[in-house]
Structure formats: structure tokens, C-alpha cells
Amino acid sequence: MPMSSIDIKKFIKEKLPDANIEINDLAGDNNHYSAVITSSVFIGKNRIEQHQLVHSALKNKLGSELHALTIKTVTPKLKG
């Protein structure tokens, strides 16, 4: 059974509570998504570490319930 964008957001928010998440269904099939995720948790982490955080948030759903997810992580601009 495919995973909905709502479920993807829920899993990511559990791991990254301050995240701003934009998800697009690329093929209209609830199976191929792209996500832009902005979180202060990414500050000081390289791109691989950021993506690992997102992957761990999805609790091994990638490849089973979630077929494909293109991830773009964004570090928010620091104020001051």
C-alpha cells in the first residue's frame, strides 16, 4: 500500500519537530514524491547527515511503502 504525503510529513515531524516540509507527488500515484525540508536540526551537519536524519525519520518505509522520495534539505538562515 502506498504511503500518503500526510504520513510522510507525520514521520518527518516526529523526528524533526521544527521542520517546514513541502511534498509533491511527482507521478500522481502516491508512490513517487519529492520533498523540501527546512529544519534547524540541519545546522552544522553536512548534506549526507541531513539526508540520513530524514531517512531515519521514515522508519525503513523507503523501498516498501514509499517507493521513491527525492529529498532536498535546507538549513534556515540564522537571524542576528
C-alpha atoms as a PDB file:
ATOM      1  CA  MET A   1       0.000   0.000   0.000  1.00  0.00           C
ATOM      2  CA  PRO A   2       1.466   3.391  -0.964  1.00  0.00           C
ATOM      3  CA  MET A   3       2.278   5.995   1.664  1.00  0.00           C
ATOM      4  CA  SER A   4       0.408   9.301   1.650  1.00  0.00           C
ATOM      5  CA  SER A   5       2.119  12.676   1.784  1.00  0.00           C
ATOM      6  CA  ILE A   6       0.385  13.236   5.146  1.00  0.00           C
ATOM      7  CA  ASP A   7       2.089  10.138   6.560  1.00  0.00           C
ATOM      8  CA  ILE A   8       5.465  11.219   5.185  1.00  0.00           C
ATOM      9  CA  LYS A   9       5.081  14.603   6.893  1.00  0.00           C
ATOM     10  CA  LYS A  10       3.987  12.924  10.144  1.00  0.00           C
ATOM     11  CA  PHE A  11       7.073  10.693  10.290  1.00  0.00           C
ATOM     12  CA  ILE A  12       9.440  13.558   9.480  1.00  0.00           C
ATOM     13  CA  LYS A  13       7.781  15.866  12.045  1.00  0.00           C
ATOM     14  CA  GLU A  14       8.231  13.203  14.744  1.00  0.00           C
ATOM     15  CA  LYS A  15      11.989  13.301  14.163  1.00  0.00           C
ATOM     16  CA  LEU A  16      12.310  16.991  13.192  1.00  0.00           C
ATOM     17  CA  PRO A  17       9.533  18.857  15.066  1.00  0.00           C
ATOM     18  CA  ASP A  18      10.508  22.302  13.750  1.00  0.00           C
ATOM     19  CA  ALA A  19      10.624  21.173  10.128  1.00  0.00           C
ATOM     20  CA  ASN A  20       8.864  23.015   7.343  1.00  0.00           C
ATOM     21  CA  ILE A  21       8.000  20.310   4.821  1.00  0.00           C
ATOM     22  CA  GLU A  22       6.840  20.694   1.224  1.00  0.00           C
ATOM     23  CA  ILE A  23       5.900  17.475  -0.545  1.00  0.00           C
ATOM     24  CA  ASN A  24       4.975  16.978  -4.198  1.00  0.00           C
ATOM     25  CA  ASP A  25       3.534  13.790  -5.673  1.00  0.00           C
ATOM     26  CA  LEU A  26       5.629  13.576  -8.840  1.00  0.00           C
ATOM     27  CA  ALA A  27       3.604  10.970 -10.708  1.00  0.00           C
ATOM     28  CA  GLY A  28       0.173  11.295  -9.093  1.00  0.00           C
ATOM     29  CA  ASP A  29       0.445   7.717  -7.851  1.00  0.00           C
ATOM     30  CA  ASN A  30       1.210   8.231  -4.121  1.00  0.00           C
ATOM     31  CA  ASN A  31       4.458   6.396  -4.757  1.00  0.00           C
ATOM     32  CA  HIS A  32       6.938   8.923  -6.209  1.00  0.00           C
ATOM     33  CA  TYR A  33       7.496  12.082  -4.164  1.00  0.00           C
ATOM     34  CA  SER A  34       9.861  14.984  -3.842  1.00  0.00           C
ATOM     35  CA  ALA A  35      10.310  16.774  -0.530  1.00  0.00           C
ATOM     36  CA  VAL A  36      11.909  20.041   0.503  1.00  0.00           C
ATOM     37  CA  ILE A  37      12.614  20.005   4.225  1.00  0.00           C
ATOM     38  CA  THR A  38      13.849  23.001   6.204  1.00  0.00           C
ATOM     39  CA  SER A  39      14.944  22.425   9.809  1.00  0.00           C
ATOM     40  CA  SER A  40      17.298  23.997  12.337  1.00  0.00           C
ATOM     41  CA  VAL A  41      18.390  20.451  13.198  1.00  0.00           C
ATOM     42  CA  PHE A  42      20.372  20.529   9.935  1.00  0.00           C
ATOM     43  CA  ILE A  43      22.611  23.363  11.149  1.00  0.00           C
ATOM     44  CA  GLY A  44      26.238  22.193  11.342  1.00  0.00           C
ATOM     45  CA  LYS A  45      25.512  18.939   9.509  1.00  0.00           C
ATOM     46  CA  ASN A  46      26.662  18.099   6.013  1.00  0.00           C
ATOM     47  CA  ARG A  47      24.193  17.092   3.285  1.00  0.00           C
ATOM     48  CA  ILE A  48      24.706  13.362   3.874  1.00  0.00           C
ATOM     49  CA  GLU A  49      23.997  13.707   7.607  1.00  0.00           C
ATOM     50  CA  GLN A  50      20.901  15.778   6.838  1.00  0.00           C
ATOM     51  CA  HIS A  51      19.567  13.145   4.459  1.00  0.00           C
ATOM     52  CA  GLN A  52      20.343  10.390   6.964  1.00  0.00           C
ATOM     53  CA  LEU A  53      18.152  12.190   9.507  1.00  0.00           C
ATOM     54  CA  VAL A  54      15.264  12.266   7.041  1.00  0.00           C
ATOM     55  CA  HIS A  55      15.765   8.614   6.097  1.00  0.00           C
ATOM     56  CA  SER A  56      15.811   7.570   9.765  1.00  0.00           C
ATOM     57  CA  ALA A  57      12.584   9.527  10.324  1.00  0.00           C
ATOM     58  CA  LEU A  58      10.851   7.400   7.697  1.00  0.00           C
ATOM     59  CA  LYS A  59      11.483   4.281   9.787  1.00  0.00           C
ATOM     60  CA  ASN A  60      12.531   1.963   6.955  1.00  0.00           C
ATOM     61  CA  LYS A  61       9.441   2.775   4.853  1.00  0.00           C
ATOM     62  CA  LEU A  62      11.605   3.675   1.832  1.00  0.00           C
ATOM     63  CA  GLY A  63      11.606   0.830  -0.651  1.00  0.00           C
ATOM     64  CA  SER A  64       8.482  -0.775   0.774  1.00  0.00           C
ATOM     65  CA  GLU A  65       5.517   1.523   1.488  1.00  0.00           C
ATOM     66  CA  LEU A  66       7.331   4.501  -0.020  1.00  0.00           C
ATOM     67  CA  HIS A  67       8.807   3.663  -3.400  1.00  0.00           C
ATOM     68  CA  ALA A  68      10.711   6.868  -4.222  1.00  0.00           C
ATOM     69  CA  LEU A  69      11.477  10.110  -2.423  1.00  0.00           C
ATOM     70  CA  THR A  70      13.742  12.839  -3.743  1.00  0.00           C
ATOM     71  CA  ILE A  71      14.990  14.904  -0.801  1.00  0.00           C
ATOM     72  CA  LYS A  72      16.231  18.471  -0.701  1.00  0.00           C
ATOM     73  CA  THR A  73      17.288  19.666   2.745  1.00  0.00           C
ATOM     74  CA  VAL A  74      17.577  23.335   3.636  1.00  0.00           C
ATOM     75  CA  THR A  75      19.232  24.960   6.633  1.00  0.00           C
ATOM     76  CA  PRO A  76      17.312  28.043   7.777  1.00  0.00           C
ATOM     77  CA  LYS A  77      19.082  31.383   7.763  1.00  0.00           C
ATOM     78  CA  LEU A  78      20.252  32.426  11.215  1.00  0.00           C
ATOM     79  CA  LYS A  79      18.849  35.698  12.481  1.00  0.00           C
ATOM     80  CA  GLY A  80      21.063  38.243  14.136  1.00  0.00           C
END
